[in-house]
Amino acid sequence: MSVIGIMIGLFSFAVICIFHPIVIKGEYYFSDKIWPLFLIAGLVFLGLSVMTKGVVFSSLFAILGFTCLWSIRELKEQRKRVEKGWFPRNPNRKSM
């Protein structure tokens, strides 16, 4: 019996749960202009995934990489949600 698949699934769930508030806070404090940070992080994690020999760690790096890349889209969507009034706008930041 192998629990590696369950562990990878749990890691995926945890990463999604962690990145959700990161995207919200990132847009609130810095706007969606921080997308290049997510791009760089995503490419670094995908590079680590390719260079890692073990399947488990390669999978974990790939999950992190694609989550960072997906967060770029979510930053744009979060900006739209703020414009609709679904999330608060940062009053200390100049208007979008």
N, C-alpha and C. Protein backbone atom coordinates (compact mmCIF):
# COMPACT_ATOMS: atom_id res chain seq x y z
N MET A 1 0.85 -1.18 0.00
CA MET A 1 0.00 0.00 0.00
C MET A 1 0.89 1.24 0.00
N SER A 2 0.51 2.22 -0.83
CA SER A 2 1.30 3.44 -0.94
C SER A 2 0.42 4.65 -0.63
N VAL A 3 0.95 5.53 0.18
CA VAL A 3 0.21 6.74 0.54
C VAL A 3 0.79 7.97 -0.16
N ILE A 4 1.71 7.76 -1.10
CA ILE A 4 2.36 8.89 -1.77
C ILE A 4 1.34 9.73 -2.54
N GLY A 5 0.42 9.09 -3.22
CA GLY A 5 -0.61 9.82 -3.96
C GLY A 5 -1.46 10.68 -3.03
N ILE A 6 -1.82 10.12 -1.88
CA ILE A 6 -2.60 10.88 -0.89
C ILE A 6 -1.79 12.06 -0.38
N MET A 7 -0.51 11.85 -0.14
CA MET A 7 0.34 12.94 0.34
C MET A 7 0.47 14.05 -0.70
N ILE A 8 0.62 13.70 -1.96
CA ILE A 8 0.71 14.70 -3.02
C ILE A 8 -0.62 15.45 -3.15
N GLY A 9 -1.73 14.74 -3.05
CA GLY A 9 -3.03 15.39 -3.08
C GLY A 9 -3.23 16.34 -1.91
N LEU A 10 -2.80 15.93 -0.74
CA LEU A 10 -2.89 16.78 0.44
C LEU A 10 -2.01 18.01 0.28
N PHE A 11 -0.82 17.83 -0.28
CA PHE A 11 0.06 18.96 -0.55
C PHE A 11 -0.59 19.93 -1.53
N SER A 12 -1.23 19.40 -2.57
CA SER A 12 -1.92 20.25 -3.56
C SER A 12 -3.01 21.07 -2.88
N PHE A 13 -3.78 20.42 -2.06
CA PHE A 13 -4.86 21.10 -1.33
C PHE A 13 -4.29 22.19 -0.43
N ALA A 14 -3.22 21.89 0.29
CA ALA A 14 -2.60 22.87 1.19
C ALA A 14 -2.05 24.07 0.42
N VAL A 15 -1.42 23.81 -0.72
CA VAL A 15 -0.85 24.90 -1.51
C VAL A 15 -1.96 25.82 -2.02
N ILE A 16 -3.05 25.26 -2.48
CA ILE A 16 -4.18 26.06 -2.95
C ILE A 16 -4.73 26.89 -1.80
N CYS A 17 -4.87 26.28 -0.63
CA CYS A 17 -5.38 27.00 0.54
C CYS A 17 -4.44 28.13 0.97
N ILE A 18 -3.16 27.94 0.80
CA ILE A 18 -2.18 28.97 1.18
C ILE A 18 -2.14 30.09 0.14
N PHE A 19 -2.22 29.75 -1.13
CA PHE A 19 -2.10 30.75 -2.18
C PHE A 19 -3.35 31.63 -2.31
N HIS A 20 -4.50 31.13 -1.90
CA HIS A 20 -5.72 31.94 -1.98
C HIS A 20 -5.57 33.25 -1.21
N PRO A 21 -5.20 33.24 0.07
CA PRO A 21 -5.01 34.51 0.76
C PRO A 21 -3.79 35.30 0.27
N ILE A 22 -2.77 34.61 -0.23
CA ILE A 22 -1.60 35.32 -0.76
C ILE A 22 -2.02 36.20 -1.95
N VAL A 23 -2.86 35.67 -2.82
CA VAL A 23 -3.33 36.43 -3.97
C VAL A 23 -4.18 37.61 -3.50
N ILE A 24 -5.07 37.37 -2.56
CA ILE A 24 -5.95 38.45 -2.07
C ILE A 24 -5.13 39.55 -1.42
N LYS A 25 -4.21 39.19 -0.53
CA LYS A 25 -3.38 40.18 0.15
C LYS A 25 -2.42 40.85 -0.83
N GLY A 26 -1.89 40.10 -1.76
CA GLY A 26 -0.99 40.67 -2.75
C GLY A 26 -1.67 41.73 -3.59
N GLU A 27 -2.89 41.45 -4.03
CA GLU A 27 -3.62 42.45 -4.81
C GLU A 27 -3.98 43.65 -3.93
N TYR A 28 -4.33 43.41 -2.69
CA TYR A 28 -4.73 44.50 -1.79
C TYR A 28 -3.57 45.46 -1.54
N TYR A 29 -2.41 44.92 -1.24
CA TYR A 29 -1.27 45.77 -0.88
C TYR A 29 -0.45 46.26 -2.07
N PHE A 30 -0.38 45.47 -3.14
CA PHE A 30 0.54 45.80 -4.24
C PHE A 30 -0.13 45.92 -5.60
N SER A 31 -1.40 45.65 -5.71
CA SER A 31 -2.17 45.58 -6.96
C SER A 31 -1.76 44.34 -7.75
N ASP A 32 -2.33 44.21 -8.93
CA ASP A 32 -2.01 43.03 -9.74
C ASP A 32 -0.69 43.19 -10.49
N LYS A 33 0.03 44.27 -10.20
CA LYS A 33 1.31 44.51 -10.86
C LYS A 33 2.43 43.63 -10.31
N ILE A 34 2.13 42.80 -9.31
CA ILE A 34 3.16 41.90 -8.78
C ILE A 34 3.19 40.57 -9.53
N TRP A 35 2.45 40.49 -10.62
CA TRP A 35 2.41 39.24 -11.37
C TRP A 35 3.78 38.74 -11.81
N PRO A 36 4.77 39.61 -12.11
CA PRO A 36 6.08 39.06 -12.49
C PRO A 36 6.73 38.22 -11.39
N LEU A 37 6.44 38.54 -10.13
CA LEU A 37 6.99 37.73 -9.04
C LEU A 37 6.44 36.31 -9.09
N PHE A 38 5.15 36.19 -9.37
CA PHE A 38 4.54 34.87 -9.50
C PHE A 38 5.09 34.14 -10.73
N LEU A 39 5.34 34.88 -11.80
CA LEU A 39 5.91 34.27 -13.01
C LEU A 39 7.31 33.72 -12.72
N ILE A 40 8.15 34.52 -12.09
CA ILE A 40 9.51 34.08 -11.78
C ILE A 40 9.49 32.88 -10.84
N ALA A 41 8.67 32.97 -9.78
CA ALA A 41 8.59 31.85 -8.82
C ALA A 41 8.09 30.59 -9.52
N GLY A 42 7.08 30.75 -10.37
CA GLY A 42 6.55 29.59 -11.09
C GLY A 42 7.58 28.93 -11.99
N LEU A 43 8.34 29.75 -12.71
CA LEU A 43 9.37 29.20 -13.59
C LEU A 43 10.50 28.54 -12.80
N VAL A 44 10.85 29.14 -11.66
CA VAL A 44 11.90 28.54 -10.81
C VAL A 44 11.44 27.18 -10.30
N PHE A 45 10.20 27.11 -9.78
CA PHE A 45 9.70 25.83 -9.28
C PHE A 45 9.57 24.79 -10.39
N LEU A 46 9.15 25.21 -11.58
CA LEU A 46 9.07 24.25 -12.68
C LEU A 46 10.46 23.79 -13.10
N GLY A 47 11.43 24.70 -13.07
CA GLY A 47 12.81 24.31 -13.35
C GLY A 47 13.33 23.31 -12.33
N LEU A 48 13.03 23.56 -11.06
CA LEU A 48 13.42 22.60 -10.01
C LEU A 48 12.73 21.26 -10.23
N SER A 49 11.49 21.30 -10.68
CA SER A 49 10.77 20.06 -10.93
C SER A 49 11.45 19.23 -12.01
N VAL A 50 11.91 19.89 -13.05
CA VAL A 50 12.58 19.19 -14.15
C VAL A 50 13.93 18.64 -13.70
N MET A 51 14.61 19.36 -12.83
CA MET A 51 15.96 18.94 -12.43
C MET A 51 15.96 17.95 -11.27
N THR A 52 14.84 17.77 -10.60
CA THR A 52 14.77 16.86 -9.46
C THR A 52 14.55 15.44 -9.95
N LYS A 53 15.33 14.53 -9.42
CA LYS A 53 15.25 13.14 -9.88
C LYS A 53 14.09 12.38 -9.26
N GLY A 54 13.80 12.63 -8.00
CA GLY A 54 12.72 11.90 -7.32
C GLY A 54 11.35 12.34 -7.81
N VAL A 55 10.48 11.36 -8.04
CA VAL A 55 9.15 11.66 -8.55
C VAL A 55 8.33 12.49 -7.56
N VAL A 56 8.45 12.19 -6.28
CA VAL A 56 7.65 12.89 -5.28
C VAL A 56 8.03 14.37 -5.23
N PHE A 57 9.31 14.66 -5.06
CA PHE A 57 9.73 16.05 -4.97
C PHE A 57 9.53 16.77 -6.30
N SER A 58 9.73 16.09 -7.40
CA SER A 58 9.47 16.68 -8.70
C SER A 58 8.00 17.08 -8.82
N SER A 59 7.12 16.22 -8.35
CA SER A 59 5.68 16.52 -8.37
C SER A 59 5.35 17.71 -7.48
N LEU A 60 5.95 17.77 -6.30
CA LEU A 60 5.68 18.86 -5.37
C LEU A 60 6.15 20.20 -5.95
N PHE A 61 7.32 20.21 -6.56
CA PHE A 61 7.81 21.44 -7.19
C PHE A 61 6.91 21.84 -8.36
N ALA A 62 6.45 20.87 -9.13
CA ALA A 62 5.57 21.17 -10.26
C ALA A 62 4.24 21.76 -9.78
N ILE A 63 3.71 21.22 -8.70
CA ILE A 63 2.47 21.75 -8.13
C ILE A 63 2.68 23.20 -7.70
N LEU A 64 3.77 23.47 -7.03
CA LEU A 64 4.08 24.85 -6.62
C LEU A 64 4.23 25.76 -7.84
N GLY A 65 4.94 25.27 -8.85
CA GLY A 65 5.17 26.07 -10.05
C GLY A 65 3.89 26.43 -10.77
N PHE A 66 3.04 25.44 -10.99
CA PHE A 66 1.80 25.72 -11.70
C PHE A 66 0.82 26.54 -10.86
N THR A 67 0.89 26.39 -9.55
CA THR A 67 0.06 27.22 -8.68
C THR A 67 0.50 28.68 -8.76
N CYS A 68 1.80 28.92 -8.81
CA CYS A 68 2.29 30.30 -8.97
C CYS A 68 1.83 30.87 -10.31
N LEU A 69 1.91 30.08 -11.36
CA LEU A 69 1.47 30.56 -12.68
C LEU A 69 -0.04 30.81 -12.70
N TRP A 70 -0.80 29.95 -12.08
CA TRP A 70 -2.25 30.13 -12.01
C TRP A 70 -2.59 31.39 -11.20
N SER A 71 -1.76 31.72 -10.23
CA SER A 71 -2.00 32.90 -9.39
C SER A 71 -1.93 34.19 -10.20
N ILE A 72 -1.21 34.19 -11.30
CA ILE A 72 -1.16 35.38 -12.17
C ILE A 72 -2.57 35.67 -12.68
N ARG A 73 -3.25 34.66 -13.13
CA ARG A 73 -4.62 34.82 -13.60
C ARG A 73 -5.53 35.25 -12.45
N GLU A 74 -5.33 34.65 -11.30
CA GLU A 74 -6.16 34.98 -10.15
C GLU A 74 -5.95 36.42 -9.68
N LEU A 75 -4.75 36.95 -9.84
CA LEU A 75 -4.51 38.36 -9.51
C LEU A 75 -5.39 39.27 -10.37
N LYS A 76 -5.45 38.96 -11.66
CA LYS A 76 -6.28 39.74 -12.57
C LYS A 76 -7.76 39.61 -12.20
N GLU A 77 -8.17 38.40 -11.86
CA GLU A 77 -9.56 38.17 -11.45
C GLU A 77 -9.85 38.87 -10.12
N GLN A 78 -8.90 38.89 -9.21
CA GLN A 78 -9.08 39.55 -7.93
C GLN A 78 -9.28 41.06 -8.14
N ARG A 79 -8.55 41.64 -9.07
CA ARG A 79 -8.72 43.06 -9.38
C ARG A 79 -10.16 43.32 -9.83
N LYS A 80 -10.69 42.43 -10.66
CA LYS A 80 -12.08 42.59 -11.11
C LYS A 80 -13.06 42.44 -9.96
N ARG A 81 -12.77 41.50 -9.03
CA ARG A 81 -13.65 41.32 -7.88
C ARG A 81 -13.65 42.56 -6.99
N VAL A 82 -12.48 43.21 -6.87
CA VAL A 82 -12.40 44.45 -6.08
C VAL A 82 -13.19 45.55 -6.77
N GLU A 83 -13.08 45.64 -8.08
CA GLU A 83 -13.83 46.65 -8.83
C GLU A 83 -15.33 46.46 -8.68
N LYS A 84 -15.77 45.21 -8.57
CA LYS A 84 -17.20 44.92 -8.39
C LYS A 84 -17.65 45.17 -6.95
N GLY A 85 -16.70 45.37 -6.05
CA GLY A 85 -17.05 45.61 -4.66
C GLY A 85 -17.16 44.36 -3.81
N TRP A 86 -16.74 43.23 -4.36
CA TRP A 86 -16.81 41.97 -3.62
C TRP A 86 -15.72 41.88 -2.56
N PHE A 87 -14.62 42.60 -2.77
CA PHE A 87 -13.51 42.64 -1.82
C PHE A 87 -13.15 44.10 -1.58
N PRO A 88 -12.60 44.42 -0.42
CA PRO A 88 -12.29 45.83 -0.14
C PRO A 88 -11.10 46.33 -0.97
N ARG A 89 -11.18 47.60 -1.30
CA ARG A 89 -10.10 48.28 -2.00
C ARG A 89 -9.16 48.87 -0.96
N ASN A 90 -7.88 48.85 -1.20
CA ASN A 90 -6.91 49.42 -0.27
C ASN A 90 -7.01 50.95 -0.36
N PRO A 91 -7.44 51.61 0.72
CA PRO A 91 -7.59 53.07 0.65
C PRO A 91 -6.25 53.81 0.58
N ASN A 92 -5.17 53.17 0.96
CA ASN A 92 -3.85 53.81 0.95
C ASN A 92 -3.15 53.74 -0.40
N ARG A 93 -3.72 52.98 -1.33
CA ARG A 93 -3.13 52.84 -2.65
C ARG A 93 -3.84 53.75 -3.62
N LYS A 94 -3.10 54.33 -4.53
CA LYS A 94 -3.72 55.18 -5.55
C LYS A 94 -4.70 54.36 -6.37
N SER A 95 -5.70 55.01 -6.89
CA SER A 95 -6.75 54.29 -7.62
C SER A 95 -6.18 53.59 -8.84
N MET A 96 -6.85 52.53 -9.23
CA MET A 96 -6.38 51.66 -10.31
C MET A 96 -6.57 52.33 -11.60
